[in-house]
Protein backbone atom coordinates (compact mmCIF):
# COMPACT_ATOMS: atom_id res chain seq x y z
CA MET A 1 -10.40 -29.38 4.72
CA ASN A 2 -13.10 -26.72 4.30
CA VAL A 3 -13.09 -24.95 0.47
CA ILE A 4 -14.21 -21.38 0.31
CA PRO A 5 -15.36 -20.16 -2.94
CA THR A 6 -15.24 -16.42 -3.84
CA GLU A 7 -16.75 -14.07 -6.06
CA ILE A 8 -13.75 -14.45 -8.90
CA SER A 9 -15.14 -17.91 -10.31
CA GLY A 10 -11.91 -20.58 -9.75
CA VAL A 11 -10.63 -18.71 -6.74
CA ILE A 12 -10.95 -20.36 -3.64
CA ILE A 13 -10.08 -20.21 0.09
CA ILE A 14 -8.93 -23.36 1.60
CA GLU A 15 -9.14 -24.10 5.17
CA PRO A 16 -7.37 -26.52 5.89
CA GLN A 17 -8.31 -28.77 9.75
CA VAL A 18 -5.17 -27.77 12.11
CA PHE A 19 -4.63 -30.24 15.11
CA GLY A 20 -3.58 -28.25 18.34
CA ASP A 21 -2.46 -28.46 21.58
CA THR A 22 0.15 -27.61 24.18
CA ARG A 23 3.10 -28.98 21.82
CA GLY A 24 1.68 -26.92 18.84
CA PHE A 25 0.05 -28.08 16.13
CA PHE A 26 -0.09 -30.38 13.01
CA PHE A 27 -1.87 -29.81 9.55
CA GLU A 28 -1.90 -31.58 6.20
CA SER A 29 -1.00 -28.83 3.73
CA TYR A 30 -1.17 -30.49 0.71
CA SER A 31 -2.36 -33.42 -0.74
CA GLU A 32 -2.36 -34.58 -4.34
CA GLU A 33 -5.39 -36.25 -4.19
CA ARG A 34 -7.25 -34.34 -2.44
CA TYR A 35 -6.07 -31.08 -4.02
CA LYS A 36 -6.72 -32.15 -7.37
CA GLU A 37 -9.74 -32.77 -6.75
CA VAL A 38 -11.09 -29.17 -5.54
CA THR A 39 -8.20 -27.01 -8.10
CA ASN A 40 -8.37 -29.61 -11.11
CA THR A 41 -4.76 -28.96 -11.56
CA THR A 42 -1.05 -31.05 -11.29
CA PHE A 43 1.56 -28.60 -9.33
CA VAL A 44 5.08 -29.01 -10.91
CA GLN A 45 7.19 -26.32 -8.82
CA ASP A 46 7.39 -24.91 -5.17
CA ASN A 47 8.93 -21.40 -4.48
CA ILE A 48 9.53 -19.88 -1.15
CA SER A 49 9.61 -16.12 -0.97
CA GLN A 50 10.85 -14.16 2.90
CA SER A 51 9.89 -10.38 2.65
CA SER A 52 9.96 -7.47 5.72
CA TYR A 53 7.18 -5.19 6.65
CA GLY A 54 5.74 -3.10 3.12
CA VAL A 55 7.04 -5.28 0.81
CA LEU A 56 4.73 -5.41 -1.78
CA ARG A 57 5.31 -8.03 -4.52
CA GLY A 58 3.36 -8.03 -7.99
CA LEU A 59 0.92 -7.80 -9.70
CA HIS A 60 2.69 -10.50 -11.96
CA PHE A 61 1.54 -13.26 -14.25
CA GLN A 62 2.84 -15.65 -16.77
CA ASN A 63 1.66 -14.98 -20.19
CA PRO A 64 -0.01 -17.97 -22.10
CA PRO A 65 1.02 -20.87 -22.80
CA TYR A 66 2.97 -20.51 -19.66
CA ALA A 67 0.17 -19.25 -17.67
CA GLN A 68 0.64 -20.42 -14.08
CA ALA A 69 -2.09 -21.44 -11.26
CA LYS A 70 -0.57 -20.60 -7.62
CA LEU A 71 -1.59 -22.20 -4.42
CA ILE A 72 -0.39 -19.52 -1.67
CA GLU A 73 0.24 -20.30 2.02
CA VAL A 74 1.53 -18.47 4.40
CA LEU A 75 4.31 -20.49 6.25
CA HIS A 76 5.13 -17.72 8.64
CA GLY A 77 3.42 -14.07 9.42
CA GLN A 78 0.79 -12.66 7.62
CA ILE A 79 0.32 -10.76 4.35
CA LEU A 80 -2.66 -9.41 2.50
CA ASP A 81 -2.87 -11.44 -0.88
CA VAL A 82 -4.43 -10.26 -3.57
CA ALA A 83 -5.72 -11.88 -7.34
CA VAL A 84 -7.04 -9.98 -10.23
CA ASP A 85 -9.04 -11.47 -13.13
CA LEU A 86 -7.40 -11.12 -16.42
CA ARG A 87 -9.51 -13.70 -18.20
CA PRO A 88 -11.08 -11.74 -20.87
CA ASP A 89 -14.54 -13.73 -21.26
CA SER A 90 -14.67 -13.74 -17.89
CA GLU A 91 -18.18 -12.18 -15.31
CA THR A 92 -16.01 -10.75 -13.18
CA TYR A 93 -12.62 -9.31 -15.86
CA GLY A 94 -10.72 -6.64 -14.38
CA LYS A 95 -12.17 -7.51 -10.70
CA HIS A 96 -10.00 -8.65 -7.78
CA ILE A 97 -10.15 -10.34 -4.84
CA ALA A 98 -8.30 -9.31 -1.24
CA VAL A 99 -7.79 -12.44 1.11
CA GLU A 100 -5.66 -11.77 4.32
CA LEU A 101 -3.47 -15.26 4.88
CA ASN A 102 -1.14 -16.00 8.08
CA ASP A 103 0.38 -17.99 9.79
CA HIS A 104 -2.85 -18.61 12.55
CA THR A 105 -5.15 -19.82 10.69
CA HIS A 106 -3.11 -21.86 8.15
CA ARG A 107 -5.48 -20.56 5.23
CA GLN A 108 -4.39 -20.84 1.78
CA LEU A 109 -5.44 -19.18 -1.75
CA PHE A 110 -5.66 -21.42 -5.05
CA ILE A 111 -5.80 -18.89 -7.83
CA PRO A 112 -6.44 -20.06 -11.72
CA LYS A 113 -4.51 -19.77 -14.65
CA GLY A 114 -5.56 -15.72 -16.12
CA LEU A 115 -5.12 -14.00 -12.85
CA ALA A 116 -2.59 -11.91 -11.97
CA HIS A 117 -1.15 -12.04 -8.27
CA GLY A 118 0.17 -10.13 -5.76
CA PHE A 119 0.48 -9.49 -2.03
CA VAL A 120 2.32 -7.35 0.66
CA ALA A 121 3.67 -8.44 3.66
CA LEU A 122 1.74 -7.02 6.91
CA SER A 123 4.35 -8.49 9.58
CA ASP A 124 8.03 -7.96 10.37
CA LYS A 125 8.31 -10.58 8.57
CA VAL A 126 6.67 -13.05 6.14
CA THR A 127 7.69 -16.47 4.82
CA LEU A 128 5.47 -17.50 2.08
CA HIS A 129 5.00 -20.85 -0.04
CA TYR A 130 3.50 -21.47 -3.32
CA LYS A 131 2.83 -24.25 -5.37
CA CYS A 132 2.96 -23.40 -9.48
CA ASP A 133 1.42 -25.76 -11.79
CA GLU A 134 3.44 -24.66 -14.47
CA TYR A 135 7.52 -23.70 -14.47
CA TYR A 136 8.57 -20.16 -14.54
CA HIS A 137 9.77 -19.21 -18.04
CA PRO A 138 10.95 -15.36 -17.63
CA GLU A 139 10.23 -14.61 -21.40
CA ALA A 140 6.47 -15.22 -20.49
CA GLU A 141 6.28 -12.92 -17.23
CA GLY A 142 4.04 -9.60 -17.02
CA GLY A 143 2.57 -7.68 -14.69
CA ILE A 144 0.03 -4.40 -13.40
CA ILE A 145 1.28 -1.78 -11.40
CA TRP A 146 0.23 -2.37 -8.00
CA ASN A 147 -1.42 0.67 -7.59
CA ASP A 148 -3.51 1.08 -10.66
CA GLU A 149 -6.52 3.16 -10.62
CA THR A 150 -8.55 1.08 -12.73
CA LEU A 151 -8.14 -2.11 -10.34
CA ASN A 152 -8.60 0.77 -7.45
CA ILE A 153 -6.97 -2.31 -4.60
CA LYS A 154 -7.35 -0.74 -1.22
CA TRP A 155 -3.72 -2.10 0.02
CA PRO A 156 -3.63 -2.04 3.98
CA ILE A 157 -0.44 -0.18 4.53
CA PRO A 158 0.49 3.28 4.26
CA GLU A 159 1.87 4.06 0.72
CA ARG A 160 4.65 5.95 2.09
CA ASP A 161 5.51 1.87 3.39
CA ILE A 162 5.55 0.28 0.29
CA ILE A 163 8.80 -1.27 -0.85
CA LEU A 164 8.94 -2.44 -4.79
CA SER A 165 11.31 -4.07 -6.55
CA GLU A 166 12.47 -1.71 -9.97
CA LYS A 167 11.04 -4.06 -12.29
CA ASP A 168 7.46 -3.84 -10.19
CA LEU A 169 7.49 0.36 -10.37
CA LYS A 170 7.35 -0.44 -13.88
CA HIS A 171 5.17 -2.34 -14.75
CA PRO A 172 1.97 -1.17 -16.86
CA SER A 173 -1.52 0.25 -16.02
CA PHE A 174 -4.51 -1.96 -16.68
CA VAL A 175 -5.31 0.26 -19.20
CA GLU A 176 -2.15 -0.25 -20.64
CA TYR A 177 -2.74 -4.32 -20.12
CA GLU A 178 -5.90 -4.21 -21.96
CA ARG A 179 -3.88 -2.28 -24.83
CA GLN A 180 -1.01 -4.94 -25.49
CA HIS A 181 -3.45 -7.94 -25.12
CA HIS A 182 -6.52 -7.16 -26.40
CA ASP A 183 -5.73 -4.50 -29.07
CA LEU A 184 -8.08 -2.31 -27.46
């Protein structure tokens, strides 16, 4: 596997070695021993979501002590995956990265604890698989509005095509998040 660091500390892109021929392909999508070496993480929960074109999920996070690291991969389709650094002591606090993930390259994105995560479906249908190192706790969930002006994320589809849940429509701005979490 090839490990590619990003400009946000701890966020890495993982390219598995894919073996393909006329029958299809094979690759190892996870090996606890090898992945623990590069992520220093033990995963406890796997999740799968399915979305249609334009569905945007995020920007989500779990508050401490239930913060989650995630390993994201697309089983079918294509997404733009976004991670926002919410670690107040980080040099990249308030910055984000956006990585395209799809079922052709089989790239994965590892997002450590302390970051918000979101994605938008770019293909007609997307099946997303992600591993978490902490169980989901509804009382610890948080979010930041997807179109926050401070974060200025460039989502690659027209705003009229964005489909959001009621919950995702009500997330606070990044400035409101800072006030709530850092007593600014």
